[in-house]
Amino acid sequence: MLQTFFQRLIHNNARFLVREMRKLADQLEAAAPGKPVAAFPLVFYSSPNGGPEVSDIQVRVDSDPLTATVTFLDARGNATSPGGTPEWSSSDENVATVEATEDGMTATVTIAGSVGASQITCVDPESQESSDDDVISVGTVSVIPGQAVVGDIEFSQSG
């Protein structure tokens, strides 16, 4: 019963929550500009199984490209078509780049070689009447160092 209440609360207030989180993110960026040390995605949407989900993946720096797929859902959780061609972007192209297919429903995410986190964003810009109501899907690619292949010993004299 309690879980259902929170699911309804998040579902019914998702746009408000996203707007407020964007404001908070802007305030944090203004207070401490620069590359974040870590990223913790908070993305709410109603999944077909009824619960909120977060889309993220952790890969090694030497990983093969990933395929990202976006699915648009109506208010009842049914798959639907976007209003236009979705547009993809990466928040940090030193970590991961993204290239969409012609229809915009999938994209290739290529690990660029730097360790860190990049938010991959897909926007359906023609889904709503105003840009404040664009349907925005976000996933995070966290890139970690590759496996050790060589050791490095450094010597120094004490005292």
C-alpha atoms as a PDB file:
ATOM      1  CA  MET A   1       0.000   0.000   0.000  1.00  0.00           C
ATOM      2  CA  LEU A   2       2.766   2.451   0.961  1.00  0.00           C
ATOM      3  CA  GLN A   3       4.804   1.629  -2.159  1.00  0.00           C
ATOM      4  CA  THR A   4       1.761   2.264  -4.346  1.00  0.00           C
ATOM      5  CA  PHE A   5       1.295   5.668  -2.693  1.00  0.00           C
ATOM      6  CA  PHE A   6       4.890   6.668  -3.482  1.00  0.00           C
ATOM      7  CA  GLN A   7       4.616   5.378  -7.038  1.00  0.00           C
ATOM      8  CA  ARG A   8       1.496   7.531  -7.572  1.00  0.00           C
ATOM      9  CA  LEU A   9       3.174  10.502  -5.873  1.00  0.00           C
ATOM     10  CA  ILE A  10       6.208  10.306  -8.175  1.00  0.00           C
ATOM     11  CA  HIS A  11       4.138   9.587 -11.285  1.00  0.00           C
ATOM     12  CA  ASN A  12       1.702  12.444 -10.659  1.00  0.00           C
ATOM     13  CA  ASN A  13       4.466  14.934  -9.850  1.00  0.00           C
ATOM     14  CA  ALA A  14       7.239  13.791 -12.236  1.00  0.00           C
ATOM     15  CA  ARG A  15       7.376  17.003 -14.278  1.00  0.00           C
ATOM     16  CA  PHE A  16       7.462  19.165 -11.154  1.00  0.00           C
ATOM     17  CA  LEU A  17      10.205  16.989  -9.638  1.00  0.00           C
ATOM     18  CA  VAL A  18      12.295  17.114 -12.824  1.00  0.00           C
ATOM     19  CA  ARG A  19      11.937  20.920 -13.034  1.00  0.00           C
ATOM     20  CA  GLU A  20      12.973  21.323  -9.389  1.00  0.00           C
ATOM     21  CA  MET A  21      15.923  18.941  -9.808  1.00  0.00           C
ATOM     22  CA  ARG A  22      17.052  20.931 -12.864  1.00  0.00           C
ATOM     23  CA  LYS A  23      16.932  24.155 -10.819  1.00  0.00           C
ATOM     24  CA  LEU A  24      18.944  22.488  -8.054  1.00  0.00           C
ATOM     25  CA  ALA A  25      21.490  21.152 -10.566  1.00  0.00           C
ATOM     26  CA  ASP A  26      21.889  24.663 -12.036  1.00  0.00           C
ATOM     27  CA  GLN A  27      22.408  26.109  -8.548  1.00  0.00           C
ATOM     28  CA  LEU A  28      24.994  23.440  -7.720  1.00  0.00           C
ATOM     29  CA  GLU A  29      26.835  24.066 -10.994  1.00  0.00           C
ATOM     30  CA  ALA A  30      26.901  27.816 -10.295  1.00  0.00           C
ATOM     31  CA  ALA A  31      28.195  27.221  -6.747  1.00  0.00           C
ATOM     32  CA  ALA A  32      30.877  24.706  -7.747  1.00  0.00           C
ATOM     33  CA  PRO A  33      31.600  24.912 -11.492  1.00  0.00           C
ATOM     34  CA  GLY A  34      33.664  22.264 -13.217  1.00  0.00           C
ATOM     35  CA  LYS A  35      33.681  18.552 -13.803  1.00  0.00           C
ATOM     36  CA  PRO A  36      31.740  16.544 -11.202  1.00  0.00           C
ATOM     37  CA  VAL A  37      33.597  13.935  -9.186  1.00  0.00           C
ATOM     38  CA  ALA A  38      30.652  11.538  -9.310  1.00  0.00           C
ATOM     39  CA  ALA A  39      27.215  11.443 -10.859  1.00  0.00           C
ATOM     40  CA  PHE A  40      24.061  10.069  -9.296  1.00  0.00           C
ATOM     41  CA  PRO A  41      21.167  10.061 -11.769  1.00  0.00           C
ATOM     42  CA  LEU A  42      17.636  10.657 -10.534  1.00  0.00           C
ATOM     43  CA  VAL A  43      15.282  10.080 -13.420  1.00  0.00           C
ATOM     44  CA  PHE A  44      11.668   9.137 -12.799  1.00  0.00           C
ATOM     45  CA  TYR A  45       9.305   7.751 -15.366  1.00  0.00           C
ATOM     46  CA  SER A  46       6.484   5.260 -15.283  1.00  0.00           C
ATOM     47  CA  SER A  47       7.723   1.924 -16.557  1.00  0.00           C
ATOM     48  CA  PRO A  48       5.463  -0.759 -18.042  1.00  0.00           C
ATOM     49  CA  ASN A  49       5.752  -2.735 -14.782  1.00  0.00           C
ATOM     50  CA  GLY A  50       4.397   0.239 -12.835  1.00  0.00           C
ATOM     51  CA  GLY A  51       7.473   1.340 -10.895  1.00  0.00           C
ATOM     52  CA  PRO A  52       9.915   4.210 -11.257  1.00  0.00           C
ATOM     53  CA  GLU A  53      13.199   3.291 -12.946  1.00  0.00           C
ATOM     54  CA  VAL A  54      16.662   4.768 -13.355  1.00  0.00           C
ATOM     55  CA  SER A  55      18.666   4.043 -16.468  1.00  0.00           C
ATOM     56  CA  ASP A  56      22.416   3.747 -15.971  1.00  0.00           C
ATOM     57  CA  ILE A  57      25.321   1.502 -16.887  1.00  0.00           C
ATOM     58  CA  GLN A  58      28.910   1.117 -15.722  1.00  0.00           C
ATOM     59  CA  VAL A  59      31.543   0.105 -18.289  1.00  0.00           C
ATOM     60  CA  ARG A  60      35.321  -0.070 -18.521  1.00  0.00           C
ATOM     61  CA  VAL A  61      37.234   2.600 -20.436  1.00  0.00           C
ATOM     62  CA  ASP A  62      38.178   0.072 -23.139  1.00  0.00           C
ATOM     63  CA  SER A  63      34.588  -1.158 -23.716  1.00  0.00           C
ATOM     64  CA  ASP A  64      32.987  -1.627 -27.112  1.00  0.00           C
ATOM     65  CA  PRO A  65      30.307   0.881 -28.201  1.00  0.00           C
ATOM     66  CA  LEU A  66      26.875   0.572 -26.580  1.00  0.00           C
ATOM     67  CA  THR A  67      23.453   0.729 -28.196  1.00  0.00           C
ATOM     68  CA  ALA A  68      20.954   2.995 -26.438  1.00  0.00           C
ATOM     69  CA  THR A  69      17.255   2.636 -27.182  1.00  0.00           C
ATOM     70  CA  VAL A  70      14.531   5.048 -26.119  1.00  0.00           C
ATOM     71  CA  THR A  71      10.921   4.049 -25.564  1.00  0.00           C
ATOM     72  CA  PHE A  72       8.209   6.661 -25.189  1.00  0.00           C
ATOM     73  CA  LEU A  73       5.232   5.891 -22.975  1.00  0.00           C
ATOM     74  CA  ASP A  74       1.826   7.495 -22.630  1.00  0.00           C
ATOM     75  CA  ALA A  75       0.280   8.427 -19.269  1.00  0.00           C
ATOM     76  CA  ARG A  76      -0.914   4.832 -18.778  1.00  0.00           C
ATOM     77  CA  GLY A  77       2.502   3.284 -19.466  1.00  0.00           C
ATOM     78  CA  ASN A  78       1.710   2.126 -23.001  1.00  0.00           C
ATOM     79  CA  ALA A  79       4.406   2.429 -25.684  1.00  0.00           C
ATOM     80  CA  THR A  80       3.726   5.317 -28.067  1.00  0.00           C
ATOM     81  CA  SER A  81       5.471   7.212 -30.858  1.00  0.00           C
ATOM     82  CA  PRO A  82       7.352  10.477 -30.329  1.00  0.00           C
ATOM     83  CA  GLY A  83       5.973  13.724 -31.758  1.00  0.00           C
ATOM     84  CA  GLY A  84       9.123  14.283 -33.829  1.00  0.00           C
ATOM     85  CA  THR A  85      12.603  12.870 -34.330  1.00  0.00           C
ATOM     86  CA  PRO A  86      14.298  12.454 -30.939  1.00  0.00           C
ATOM     87  CA  GLU A  87      17.570  14.339 -30.422  1.00  0.00           C
ATOM     88  CA  TRP A  88      20.439  12.767 -28.471  1.00  0.00           C
ATOM     89  CA  SER A  89      23.335  14.423 -26.615  1.00  0.00           C
ATOM     90  CA  SER A  90      26.158  13.637 -24.189  1.00  0.00           C
ATOM     91  CA  SER A  91      26.981  15.843 -21.208  1.00  0.00           C
ATOM     92  CA  ASP A  92      30.715  15.012 -21.446  1.00  0.00           C
ATOM     93  CA  GLU A  93      32.071  13.965 -24.830  1.00  0.00           C
ATOM     94  CA  ASN A  94      35.475  13.225 -23.254  1.00  0.00           C
ATOM     95  CA  VAL A  95      33.754  10.300 -21.508  1.00  0.00           C
ATOM     96  CA  ALA A  96      31.166   9.181 -24.101  1.00  0.00           C
ATOM     97  CA  THR A  97      29.890  10.384 -27.450  1.00  0.00           C
ATOM     98  CA  VAL A  98      26.469   9.615 -28.892  1.00  0.00           C
ATOM     99  CA  GLU A  99      25.312   9.294 -32.493  1.00  0.00           C
ATOM    100  CA  ALA A 100      21.636   8.758 -33.242  1.00  0.00           C
ATOM    101  CA  THR A 101      20.163   6.664 -36.020  1.00  0.00           C
ATOM    102  CA  GLU A 102      18.104   8.429 -38.678  1.00  0.00           C
ATOM    103  CA  ASP A 103      14.783   7.824 -36.880  1.00  0.00           C
ATOM    104  CA  GLY A 104      16.271   8.856 -33.511  1.00  0.00           C
ATOM    105  CA  MET A 105      14.904   5.828 -31.656  1.00  0.00           C
ATOM    106  CA  THR A 106      18.339   4.290 -31.061  1.00  0.00           C
ATOM    107  CA  ALA A 107      21.847   5.662 -30.769  1.00  0.00           C
ATOM    108  CA  THR A 108      25.397   4.367 -30.609  1.00  0.00           C
ATOM    109  CA  VAL A 109      27.249   5.448 -27.469  1.00  0.00           C
ATOM    110  CA  THR A 110      31.023   5.286 -27.916  1.00  0.00           C
ATOM    111  CA  ILE A 111      33.336   5.335 -24.907  1.00  0.00           C
ATOM    112  CA  ALA A 112      35.745   8.195 -25.620  1.00  0.00           C
ATOM    113  CA  GLY A 113      38.685   7.170 -23.411  1.00  0.00           C
ATOM    114  CA  SER A 114      38.321   9.256 -20.247  1.00  0.00           C
ATOM    115  CA  VAL A 115      37.181   7.921 -16.882  1.00  0.00           C
ATOM    116  CA  GLY A 116      34.110   9.667 -15.493  1.00  0.00           C
ATOM    117  CA  ALA A 117      30.363   9.914 -15.963  1.00  0.00           C
ATOM    118  CA  SER A 118      28.311  11.276 -18.835  1.00  0.00           C
ATOM    119  CA  GLN A 119      24.576  11.778 -18.966  1.00  0.00           C
ATOM    120  CA  ILE A 120      23.114  10.620 -22.253  1.00  0.00           C
ATOM    121  CA  THR A 121      19.977  12.622 -22.968  1.00  0.00           C
ATOM    122  CA  CYS A 122      17.257  11.974 -25.528  1.00  0.00           C
ATOM    123  CA  VAL A 123      14.674  14.714 -26.104  1.00  0.00           C
ATOM    124  CA  ASP A 124      11.492  14.609 -28.142  1.00  0.00           C
ATOM    125  CA  PRO A 125      11.316  18.348 -28.917  1.00  0.00           C
ATOM    126  CA  GLU A 126       7.954  18.170 -30.683  1.00  0.00           C
ATOM    127  CA  SER A 127       6.131  16.171 -28.028  1.00  0.00           C
ATOM    128  CA  GLN A 128       4.517  19.106 -26.229  1.00  0.00           C
ATOM    129  CA  GLU A 129       3.324  22.622 -26.990  1.00  0.00           C
ATOM    130  CA  SER A 130       6.129  24.385 -25.089  1.00  0.00           C
ATOM    131  CA  SER A 131       9.810  23.538 -24.602  1.00  0.00           C
ATOM    132  CA  ASP A 132       9.252  23.432 -20.816  1.00  0.00           C
ATOM    133  CA  ASP A 133       7.205  20.275 -21.353  1.00  0.00           C
ATOM    134  CA  ASP A 134       9.572  18.373 -23.682  1.00  0.00           C
ATOM    135  CA  VAL A 135       9.713  14.658 -23.014  1.00  0.00           C
ATOM    136  CA  ILE A 136      13.257  14.085 -21.777  1.00  0.00           C
ATOM    137  CA  SER A 137      14.846  10.680 -21.152  1.00  0.00           C
ATOM    138  CA  VAL A 138      18.200  10.498 -19.380  1.00  0.00           C
ATOM    139  CA  GLY A 139      20.617   7.657 -18.716  1.00  0.00           C
ATOM    140  CA  THR A 140      24.089   7.754 -17.206  1.00  0.00           C
ATOM    141  CA  VAL A 141      27.177   6.018 -18.558  1.00  0.00           C
ATOM    142  CA  SER A 142      29.822   5.666 -15.842  1.00  0.00           C
ATOM    143  CA  VAL A 143      33.241   4.793 -17.233  1.00  0.00           C
ATOM    144  CA  ILE A 144      35.719   3.118 -14.889  1.00  0.00           C
ATOM    145  CA  PRO A 145      39.408   2.298 -15.470  1.00  0.00           C
ATOM    146  CA  GLY A 146      40.313  -0.799 -17.478  1.00  0.00           C
ATOM    147  CA  GLN A 147      41.892  -3.915 -15.997  1.00  0.00           C
ATOM    148  CA  ALA A 148      45.527  -3.665 -14.944  1.00  0.00           C
ATOM    149  CA  VAL A 149      47.949  -4.824 -17.643  1.00  0.00           C
ATOM    150  CA  VAL A 150      51.236  -3.507 -16.256  1.00  0.00           C
ATOM    151  CA  GLY A 151      52.625  -2.431 -12.872  1.00  0.00           C
ATOM    152  CA  ASP A 152      54.694   0.652 -12.134  1.00  0.00           C
ATOM    153  CA  ILE A 153      57.041   0.791  -9.163  1.00  0.00           C
ATOM    154  CA  GLU A 154      58.309   4.149  -8.007  1.00  0.00           C
ATOM    155  CA  PHE A 155      61.290   4.474  -5.647  1.00  0.00           C
ATOM    156  CA  SER A 156      62.050   7.329  -3.287  1.00  0.00           C
ATOM    157  CA  GLN A 157      64.542   7.844  -0.472  1.00  0.00           C
ATOM    158  CA  SER A 158      63.314   8.216   3.051  1.00  0.00           C
ATOM    159  CA  GLY A 159      64.418  11.181   5.115  1.00  0.00           C
END
